[in-house]
Amino acid sequence: MRRLRAGVAGMGVLTFRPLEAGWLSGKYRKGREIAPSGSQARRQRFAAALDASNPTNAAKLDAAEALAQLAEEAGLTLVQLAIAFAVRHPAVTSAIVGPRTMEHLDGYLAPDGVELSEDVLDRIDEILPPGHTVNVADNMWHTSTTALEAAPRRRPAR
């Protein structure tokens, strides 16, 4: 995506799931049916993760919708906004992405060089405050993310 750089203390960080398992891909939007993709086994295994009647999933749809509107106002796609946000932190060297098509890959590469303004970053923080997890189950260990509570850990000091 871009030239790798050493992060804090000479160590790099690879971000995992910068599109939050598709929630920030633009595929899942309010007012549209959420149709799981993939194999039948995958659809059955992850059916609850895409159930729009689940309050936490509804909250994720609200956040994704707000971020999509912000991206549009900034002249970006939601994918560009999400990837640019994930890799802008000085400690992050790259993002792990999982494109299934060349079109997906092109979308993942498009944010290279995109700089998010302080206004856009502030609005992202309003939509999803630093340290906030919409659905704690998405953490995979089902606890809060206390390590991210301090805003400077999410966005470096200005």
N, C-alpha and C. Protein backbone atom coordinates (compact mmCIF):
# COMPACT_ATOMS: atom_id res chain seq x y z
N MET A 1 0.82 -1.17 0.00
CA MET A 1 0.00 0.00 0.00
C MET A 1 0.87 1.25 0.00
N ARG A 2 1.84 1.27 0.86
CA ARG A 2 2.79 2.37 0.87
C ARG A 2 4.09 1.87 1.45
N ARG A 3 5.11 2.68 1.35
CA ARG A 3 6.41 2.27 1.87
C ARG A 3 6.28 2.00 3.37
N LEU A 4 6.78 0.86 3.78
CA LEU A 4 6.71 0.52 5.20
C LEU A 4 7.66 1.39 5.99
N ARG A 5 7.28 1.73 7.18
CA ARG A 5 8.12 2.53 8.05
C ARG A 5 8.12 1.89 9.43
N ALA A 6 9.16 2.12 10.14
CA ALA A 6 9.22 1.61 11.50
C ALA A 6 8.34 2.49 12.38
N GLY A 7 7.57 1.89 13.22
CA GLY A 7 6.68 2.62 14.10
C GLY A 7 7.39 3.00 15.38
N VAL A 8 6.64 3.07 16.44
CA VAL A 8 7.15 3.43 17.75
C VAL A 8 8.19 2.40 18.18
N ALA A 9 9.32 2.87 18.71
CA ALA A 9 10.40 2.02 19.21
C ALA A 9 10.90 1.05 18.15
N GLY A 10 10.84 1.44 16.87
CA GLY A 10 11.35 0.60 15.81
C GLY A 10 10.49 -0.61 15.49
N MET A 11 9.31 -0.68 16.07
CA MET A 11 8.40 -1.80 15.81
C MET A 11 7.26 -1.30 14.94
N GLY A 12 6.76 -2.18 14.10
CA GLY A 12 5.63 -1.82 13.27
C GLY A 12 4.37 -2.51 13.75
N VAL A 13 3.24 -1.97 13.34
CA VAL A 13 1.94 -2.54 13.70
C VAL A 13 1.18 -2.82 12.41
N LEU A 14 0.64 -4.01 12.31
CA LEU A 14 -0.24 -4.36 11.20
C LEU A 14 -1.66 -4.32 11.73
N THR A 15 -2.50 -3.51 11.11
CA THR A 15 -3.89 -3.45 11.55
C THR A 15 -4.64 -4.63 10.94
N PHE A 16 -5.58 -5.15 11.68
CA PHE A 16 -6.36 -6.31 11.28
C PHE A 16 -7.80 -5.87 11.09
N ARG A 17 -8.41 -6.28 9.99
CA ARG A 17 -9.82 -5.99 9.68
C ARG A 17 -10.14 -4.50 9.67
N PRO A 18 -9.42 -3.70 8.86
CA PRO A 18 -9.72 -2.27 8.84
C PRO A 18 -11.11 -1.96 8.30
N LEU A 19 -11.75 -2.90 7.62
CA LEU A 19 -13.12 -2.69 7.15
C LEU A 19 -14.13 -3.37 8.07
N GLU A 20 -13.69 -3.79 9.25
CA GLU A 20 -14.55 -4.40 10.27
C GLU A 20 -15.44 -5.48 9.66
N ALA A 21 -14.76 -6.46 9.05
CA ALA A 21 -15.43 -7.63 8.48
C ALA A 21 -16.54 -7.24 7.49
N GLY A 22 -16.30 -6.17 6.75
CA GLY A 22 -17.24 -5.75 5.72
C GLY A 22 -18.19 -4.65 6.12
N TRP A 23 -18.31 -4.37 7.41
CA TRP A 23 -19.24 -3.33 7.86
C TRP A 23 -18.85 -1.96 7.31
N LEU A 24 -17.56 -1.75 7.02
CA LEU A 24 -17.11 -0.48 6.47
C LEU A 24 -16.78 -0.57 4.98
N SER A 25 -17.32 -1.57 4.32
CA SER A 25 -17.08 -1.73 2.89
C SER A 25 -18.13 -0.99 2.05
N GLY A 26 -19.21 -0.61 2.69
CA GLY A 26 -20.32 -0.01 1.96
C GLY A 26 -21.37 -1.04 1.56
N LYS A 27 -21.06 -2.30 1.79
CA LYS A 27 -21.98 -3.39 1.43
C LYS A 27 -23.22 -3.39 2.32
N TYR A 28 -23.04 -3.09 3.59
CA TYR A 28 -24.15 -3.12 4.54
C TYR A 28 -24.57 -1.68 4.83
N ARG A 29 -25.75 -1.30 4.38
CA ARG A 29 -26.24 0.05 4.57
C ARG A 29 -27.65 0.00 5.11
N LYS A 30 -28.04 1.06 5.79
CA LYS A 30 -29.40 1.14 6.34
C LYS A 30 -30.41 1.11 5.19
N GLY A 31 -31.51 0.43 5.43
CA GLY A 31 -32.56 0.36 4.44
C GLY A 31 -32.36 -0.71 3.38
N ARG A 32 -31.25 -1.40 3.45
CA ARG A 32 -30.98 -2.50 2.52
C ARG A 32 -30.97 -3.81 3.29
N GLU A 33 -31.42 -4.85 2.63
CA GLU A 33 -31.36 -6.17 3.26
C GLU A 33 -29.90 -6.59 3.39
N ILE A 34 -29.56 -7.13 4.54
CA ILE A 34 -28.21 -7.62 4.76
C ILE A 34 -28.18 -9.08 4.31
N ALA A 35 -27.54 -9.30 3.20
CA ALA A 35 -27.45 -10.65 2.64
C ALA A 35 -26.05 -11.17 2.86
N PRO A 36 -25.89 -12.18 3.73
CA PRO A 36 -24.56 -12.73 3.95
C PRO A 36 -24.03 -13.38 2.68
N SER A 37 -22.73 -13.30 2.51
CA SER A 37 -22.12 -13.90 1.34
C SER A 37 -21.29 -15.10 1.76
N GLY A 38 -20.74 -15.77 0.78
CA GLY A 38 -19.89 -16.91 1.05
C GLY A 38 -20.66 -18.21 1.02
N SER A 39 -20.03 -19.23 1.53
CA SER A 39 -20.61 -20.56 1.52
C SER A 39 -21.79 -20.67 2.48
N GLN A 40 -22.57 -21.71 2.30
CA GLN A 40 -23.71 -21.96 3.19
C GLN A 40 -23.23 -22.11 4.63
N ALA A 41 -22.13 -22.81 4.83
CA ALA A 41 -21.60 -23.01 6.18
C ALA A 41 -21.22 -21.66 6.80
N ARG A 42 -20.59 -20.80 6.02
CA ARG A 42 -20.20 -19.47 6.52
C ARG A 42 -21.44 -18.65 6.86
N ARG A 43 -22.45 -18.68 5.99
CA ARG A 43 -23.68 -17.92 6.24
C ARG A 43 -24.35 -18.40 7.53
N GLN A 44 -24.36 -19.71 7.76
CA GLN A 44 -24.98 -20.23 8.99
C GLN A 44 -24.16 -19.84 10.21
N ARG A 45 -22.85 -19.95 10.10
CA ARG A 45 -21.98 -19.67 11.24
C ARG A 45 -22.06 -18.20 11.66
N PHE A 46 -22.19 -17.31 10.69
CA PHE A 46 -22.15 -15.88 10.99
C PHE A 46 -23.50 -15.20 10.85
N ALA A 47 -24.58 -15.94 10.83
CA ALA A 47 -25.92 -15.36 10.65
C ALA A 47 -26.22 -14.31 11.71
N ALA A 48 -25.88 -14.57 12.96
CA ALA A 48 -26.17 -13.62 14.04
C ALA A 48 -25.37 -12.33 13.89
N ALA A 49 -24.17 -12.44 13.30
CA ALA A 49 -23.32 -11.26 13.14
C ALA A 49 -23.91 -10.26 12.15
N LEU A 50 -24.85 -10.71 11.32
CA LEU A 50 -25.45 -9.82 10.33
C LEU A 50 -26.95 -9.60 10.56
N ASP A 51 -27.44 -10.00 11.71
CA ASP A 51 -28.85 -9.85 12.03
C ASP A 51 -29.15 -8.39 12.36
N ALA A 52 -29.81 -7.69 11.45
CA ALA A 52 -30.07 -6.25 11.62
C ALA A 52 -31.02 -5.95 12.77
N SER A 53 -31.77 -6.97 13.24
CA SER A 53 -32.67 -6.74 14.37
C SER A 53 -31.92 -6.74 15.70
N ASN A 54 -30.68 -7.20 15.71
CA ASN A 54 -29.84 -7.18 16.90
C ASN A 54 -29.44 -5.72 17.17
N PRO A 55 -29.69 -5.20 18.38
CA PRO A 55 -29.39 -3.79 18.66
C PRO A 55 -27.95 -3.40 18.41
N THR A 56 -27.00 -4.28 18.69
CA THR A 56 -25.60 -3.91 18.43
C THR A 56 -25.32 -3.84 16.94
N ASN A 57 -25.93 -4.72 16.16
CA ASN A 57 -25.77 -4.64 14.71
C ASN A 57 -26.45 -3.40 14.16
N ALA A 58 -27.60 -3.04 14.73
CA ALA A 58 -28.27 -1.82 14.31
C ALA A 58 -27.39 -0.61 14.61
N ALA A 59 -26.71 -0.63 15.75
CA ALA A 59 -25.79 0.46 16.11
C ALA A 59 -24.61 0.50 15.13
N LYS A 60 -24.13 -0.67 14.71
CA LYS A 60 -23.04 -0.71 13.74
C LYS A 60 -23.51 -0.16 12.39
N LEU A 61 -24.75 -0.46 12.02
CA LEU A 61 -25.29 0.11 10.78
C LEU A 61 -25.38 1.63 10.88
N ASP A 62 -25.81 2.13 12.03
CA ASP A 62 -25.88 3.58 12.23
C ASP A 62 -24.50 4.22 12.08
N ALA A 63 -23.50 3.61 12.72
CA ALA A 63 -22.14 4.15 12.65
C ALA A 63 -21.61 4.06 11.22
N ALA A 64 -21.82 2.95 10.55
CA ALA A 64 -21.36 2.79 9.17
C ALA A 64 -22.03 3.81 8.27
N GLU A 65 -23.31 4.06 8.49
CA GLU A 65 -24.04 5.04 7.68
C GLU A 65 -23.47 6.44 7.91
N ALA A 66 -23.21 6.80 9.17
CA ALA A 66 -22.65 8.11 9.48
C ALA A 66 -21.25 8.26 8.87
N LEU A 67 -20.46 7.20 8.94
CA LEU A 67 -19.12 7.25 8.35
C LEU A 67 -19.19 7.33 6.83
N ALA A 68 -20.16 6.64 6.22
CA ALA A 68 -20.33 6.71 4.77
C ALA A 68 -20.69 8.13 4.34
N GLN A 69 -21.56 8.78 5.11
CA GLN A 69 -21.93 10.17 4.80
C GLN A 69 -20.72 11.10 4.94
N LEU A 70 -19.94 10.88 5.99
CA LEU A 70 -18.73 11.67 6.18
C LEU A 70 -17.76 11.46 5.02
N ALA A 71 -17.57 10.21 4.62
CA ALA A 71 -16.68 9.91 3.51
C ALA A 71 -17.13 10.63 2.24
N GLU A 72 -18.42 10.58 1.98
CA GLU A 72 -18.96 11.23 0.78
C GLU A 72 -18.70 12.74 0.83
N GLU A 73 -18.93 13.35 1.99
CA GLU A 73 -18.69 14.78 2.14
C GLU A 73 -17.21 15.12 1.93
N ALA A 74 -16.33 14.19 2.29
CA ALA A 74 -14.89 14.40 2.14
C ALA A 74 -14.39 14.02 0.75
N GLY A 75 -15.30 13.55 -0.12
CA GLY A 75 -14.90 13.17 -1.46
C GLY A 75 -14.21 11.82 -1.53
N LEU A 76 -14.53 10.96 -0.57
CA LEU A 76 -13.92 9.64 -0.49
C LEU A 76 -14.99 8.56 -0.51
N THR A 77 -14.57 7.33 -0.77
CA THR A 77 -15.46 6.20 -0.55
C THR A 77 -15.32 5.79 0.91
N LEU A 78 -16.26 5.00 1.40
CA LEU A 78 -16.16 4.51 2.77
C LEU A 78 -14.90 3.66 2.95
N VAL A 79 -14.56 2.86 1.95
CA VAL A 79 -13.34 2.04 2.01
C VAL A 79 -12.11 2.95 2.12
N GLN A 80 -12.05 4.00 1.32
CA GLN A 80 -10.91 4.91 1.38
C GLN A 80 -10.80 5.55 2.76
N LEU A 81 -11.92 5.97 3.31
CA LEU A 81 -11.92 6.58 4.64
C LEU A 81 -11.41 5.58 5.68
N ALA A 82 -11.94 4.37 5.65
CA ALA A 82 -11.57 3.37 6.66
C ALA A 82 -10.09 2.99 6.57
N ILE A 83 -9.60 2.75 5.37
CA ILE A 83 -8.20 2.36 5.21
C ILE A 83 -7.28 3.53 5.56
N ALA A 84 -7.61 4.72 5.07
CA ALA A 84 -6.78 5.89 5.38
C ALA A 84 -6.72 6.13 6.88
N PHE A 85 -7.84 5.96 7.57
CA PHE A 85 -7.85 6.14 9.02
C PHE A 85 -6.97 5.09 9.70
N ALA A 86 -7.09 3.85 9.24
CA ALA A 86 -6.35 2.76 9.88
C ALA A 86 -4.84 2.92 9.73
N VAL A 87 -4.39 3.39 8.59
CA VAL A 87 -2.94 3.43 8.36
C VAL A 87 -2.31 4.79 8.63
N ARG A 88 -3.09 5.77 9.06
CA ARG A 88 -2.52 7.09 9.28
C ARG A 88 -1.73 7.22 10.58
N HIS A 89 -1.98 6.35 11.53
CA HIS A 89 -1.27 6.42 12.81
C HIS A 89 0.21 6.13 12.57
N PRO A 90 1.12 6.89 13.17
CA PRO A 90 2.55 6.71 12.89
C PRO A 90 3.09 5.32 13.25
N ALA A 91 2.46 4.61 14.15
CA ALA A 91 2.95 3.28 14.51
C ALA A 91 2.51 2.21 13.51
N VAL A 92 1.51 2.50 12.70
CA VAL A 92 0.98 1.51 11.78
C VAL A 92 1.81 1.49 10.51
N THR A 93 2.28 0.30 10.16
CA THR A 93 3.08 0.15 8.94
C THR A 93 2.24 -0.33 7.77
N SER A 94 1.17 -1.07 8.05
CA SER A 94 0.33 -1.60 6.97
C SER A 94 -0.97 -2.12 7.55
N ALA A 95 -1.91 -2.41 6.65
CA ALA A 95 -3.19 -2.97 7.05
C ALA A 95 -3.38 -4.31 6.37
N ILE A 96 -3.86 -5.28 7.11
CA ILE A 96 -4.17 -6.60 6.55
C ILE A 96 -5.56 -6.52 5.95
N VAL A 97 -5.65 -6.74 4.65
CA VAL A 97 -6.93 -6.68 3.95
C VAL A 97 -7.19 -8.02 3.28
N GLY A 98 -8.41 -8.27 2.94
CA GLY A 98 -8.79 -9.56 2.34
C GLY A 98 -9.64 -9.39 1.10
N PRO A 99 -9.08 -8.82 0.03
CA PRO A 99 -9.89 -8.64 -1.17
C PRO A 99 -10.27 -9.98 -1.79
N ARG A 100 -11.49 -10.04 -2.30
CA ARG A 100 -11.95 -11.25 -2.97
C ARG A 100 -11.94 -11.08 -4.48
N THR A 101 -11.85 -9.82 -4.93
CA THR A 101 -11.84 -9.53 -6.36
C THR A 101 -10.79 -8.46 -6.64
N MET A 102 -10.45 -8.30 -7.91
CA MET A 102 -9.53 -7.22 -8.29
C MET A 102 -10.15 -5.85 -7.99
N GLU A 103 -11.45 -5.74 -8.14
CA GLU A 103 -12.14 -4.48 -7.82
C GLU A 103 -11.97 -4.15 -6.34
N HIS A 104 -12.08 -5.16 -5.48
CA HIS A 104 -11.86 -4.94 -4.05
C HIS A 104 -10.43 -4.46 -3.81
N LEU A 105 -9.46 -5.13 -4.46
CA LEU A 105 -8.05 -4.76 -4.27
C LEU A 105 -7.82 -3.32 -4.72
N ASP A 106 -8.37 -2.95 -5.87
CA ASP A 106 -8.23 -1.58 -6.33
C ASP A 106 -8.80 -0.59 -5.31
N GLY A 107 -9.93 -0.94 -4.71
CA GLY A 107 -10.52 -0.09 -3.68
C GLY A 107 -9.64 0.03 -2.45
N TYR A 108 -8.98 -1.06 -2.08
CA TYR A 108 -8.08 -1.04 -0.93
C TYR A 108 -6.84 -0.20 -1.19
N LEU A 109 -6.39 -0.19 -2.44
CA LEU A 109 -5.18 0.55 -2.78
C LEU A 109 -5.45 2.04 -3.02
N ALA A 110 -6.68 2.39 -3.33
CA ALA A 110 -7.04 3.77 -3.64
C ALA A 110 -6.69 4.77 -2.53
N PRO A 111 -6.78 4.41 -1.25
CA PRO A 111 -6.48 5.40 -0.21
C PRO A 111 -5.00 5.73 -0.06
N ASP A 112 -4.11 5.07 -0.81
CA ASP A 112 -2.69 5.35 -0.68
C ASP A 112 -2.44 6.84 -0.92
N GLY A 113 -1.88 7.50 0.05
CA GLY A 113 -1.60 8.92 -0.05
C GLY A 113 -2.73 9.82 0.41
N VAL A 114 -3.89 9.26 0.75
CA VAL A 114 -5.00 10.07 1.23
C VAL A 114 -4.67 10.58 2.64
N GLU A 115 -4.76 11.87 2.82
CA GLU A 115 -4.55 12.47 4.13
C GLU A 115 -5.90 12.93 4.66
N LEU A 116 -6.25 12.51 5.84
CA LEU A 116 -7.51 12.91 6.45
C LEU A 116 -7.29 14.19 7.25
N SER A 117 -8.14 15.18 7.03
CA SER A 117 -8.01 16.45 7.73
C SER A 117 -8.37 16.28 9.21
N GLU A 118 -7.95 17.23 10.01
CA GLU A 118 -8.29 17.21 11.43
C GLU A 118 -9.81 17.25 11.63
N ASP A 119 -10.51 17.98 10.75
CA ASP A 119 -11.97 18.04 10.83
C ASP A 119 -12.58 16.66 10.61
N VAL A 120 -12.09 15.95 9.61
CA VAL A 120 -12.61 14.60 9.34
C VAL A 120 -12.29 13.68 10.51
N LEU A 121 -11.08 13.76 11.04
CA LEU A 121 -10.71 12.93 12.19
C LEU A 121 -11.56 13.25 13.42
N ASP A 122 -11.84 14.53 13.63
CA ASP A 122 -12.70 14.92 14.76
C ASP A 122 -14.10 14.34 14.58
N ARG A 123 -14.60 14.37 13.36
CA ARG A 123 -15.94 13.84 13.11
C ARG A 123 -15.97 12.32 13.26
N ILE A 124 -14.89 11.65 12.88
CA ILE A 124 -14.81 10.20 13.12
C ILE A 124 -14.88 9.94 14.62
N ASP A 125 -14.15 10.73 15.40
CA ASP A 125 -14.17 10.57 16.86
C ASP A 125 -15.54 10.84 17.46
N GLU A 126 -16.33 11.73 16.83
CA GLU A 126 -17.70 11.98 17.30
C GLU A 126 -18.59 10.77 17.01
N ILE A 127 -18.40 10.15 15.85
CA ILE A 127 -19.22 9.00 15.46
C ILE A 127 -18.84 7.78 16.28
N LEU A 128 -17.55 7.55 16.42
CA LEU A 128 -17.03 6.41 17.20
C LEU A 128 -15.96 6.95 18.14
N PRO A 129 -16.33 7.30 19.36
CA PRO A 129 -15.35 7.87 20.29
C PRO A 129 -14.16 6.93 20.52
N PRO A 130 -12.97 7.50 20.71
CA PRO A 130 -11.79 6.66 20.97
C PRO A 130 -12.04 5.69 22.12
N GLY A 131 -11.67 4.45 21.91
CA GLY A 131 -11.83 3.43 22.93
C GLY A 131 -13.20 2.79 22.98
N HIS A 132 -14.12 3.24 22.16
CA HIS A 132 -15.48 2.70 22.16
C HIS A 132 -15.59 1.55 21.17
N THR A 133 -16.17 0.46 21.60
CA THR A 133 -16.46 -0.67 20.73
C THR A 133 -17.97 -0.79 20.66
N VAL A 134 -18.53 -0.72 19.46
CA VAL A 134 -19.98 -0.79 19.30
C VAL A 134 -20.51 -2.12 19.79
N ASN A 135 -19.84 -3.19 19.43
CA ASN A 135 -20.25 -4.53 19.86
C ASN A 135 -19.04 -5.22 20.47
N VAL A 136 -19.02 -5.36 21.78
CA VAL A 136 -17.88 -5.94 22.48
C VAL A 136 -17.56 -7.34 21.95
N ALA A 137 -18.55 -8.06 21.45
CA ALA A 137 -18.29 -9.39 20.90
C ALA A 137 -17.35 -9.33 19.70
N ASP A 138 -17.27 -8.19 19.02
CA ASP A 138 -16.36 -8.06 17.89
C ASP A 138 -14.90 -8.07 18.32
N ASN A 139 -14.64 -7.85 19.60
CA ASN A 139 -13.26 -7.87 20.08
C ASN A 139 -12.66 -9.27 20.09
N MET A 140 -13.48 -10.25 19.95
CA MET A 140 -13.10 -11.66 19.94
C MET A 140 -12.76 -12.19 21.32
N TRP A 141 -12.50 -11.36 22.26
CA TRP A 141 -12.24 -11.85 23.61
C TRP A 141 -13.33 -11.38 24.57
N HIS A 142 -14.32 -10.69 24.06
CA HIS A 142 -15.54 -10.32 24.78
C HIS A 142 -15.30 -9.52 26.06
N THR A 143 -14.38 -8.60 25.99
CA THR A 143 -14.16 -7.65 27.09
C THR A 143 -14.03 -6.26 26.49
N SER A 144 -14.04 -5.26 27.33
CA SER A 144 -13.88 -3.91 26.81
C SER A 144 -12.44 -3.68 26.39
N THR A 145 -12.22 -2.61 25.64
CA THR A 145 -10.88 -2.32 25.12
C THR A 145 -10.23 -1.22 25.94
N THR A 146 -9.90 -1.52 27.19
CA THR A 146 -9.33 -0.50 28.07
C THR A 146 -8.00 0.02 27.55
N ALA A 147 -7.28 -0.77 26.78
CA ALA A 147 -5.99 -0.32 26.25
C ALA A 147 -6.15 0.83 25.27
N LEU A 148 -7.36 1.02 24.75
CA LEU A 148 -7.57 2.08 23.77
C LEU A 148 -8.31 3.28 24.35
N GLU A 149 -8.53 3.30 25.66
CA GLU A 149 -9.34 4.37 26.23
C GLU A 149 -8.72 5.75 26.07
N ALA A 150 -7.43 5.85 26.17
CA ALA A 150 -6.79 7.16 26.05
C ALA A 150 -6.77 7.57 24.58
N ALA A 151 -7.34 8.72 24.30
CA ALA A 151 -7.43 9.20 22.90
C ALA A 151 -6.08 9.21 22.18
N PRO A 152 -4.97 9.60 22.85
CA PRO A 152 -3.69 9.62 22.13
C PRO A 152 -3.25 8.23 21.61
N ARG A 153 -3.77 7.19 22.20
CA ARG A 153 -3.41 5.86 21.70
C ARG A 153 -4.10 5.56 20.38
N ARG A 154 -5.21 6.23 20.14
CA ARG A 154 -5.94 6.03 18.90
C ARG A 154 -5.51 7.06 17.85
N ARG A 155 -5.30 8.28 18.29
CA ARG A 155 -4.86 9.34 17.38
C ARG A 155 -3.73 10.09 18.06
N PRO A 156 -2.58 10.17 17.41
CA PRO A 156 -1.45 10.84 18.06
C PRO A 156 -1.78 12.28 18.42
N ALA A 157 -1.11 12.79 19.43
CA ALA A 157 -1.31 14.19 19.85
C ALA A 157 -1.01 15.12 18.68
N ARG A 158 -1.75 16.20 18.63
CA ARG A 158 -1.57 17.18 17.53
C ARG A 158 -0.37 18.04 17.73
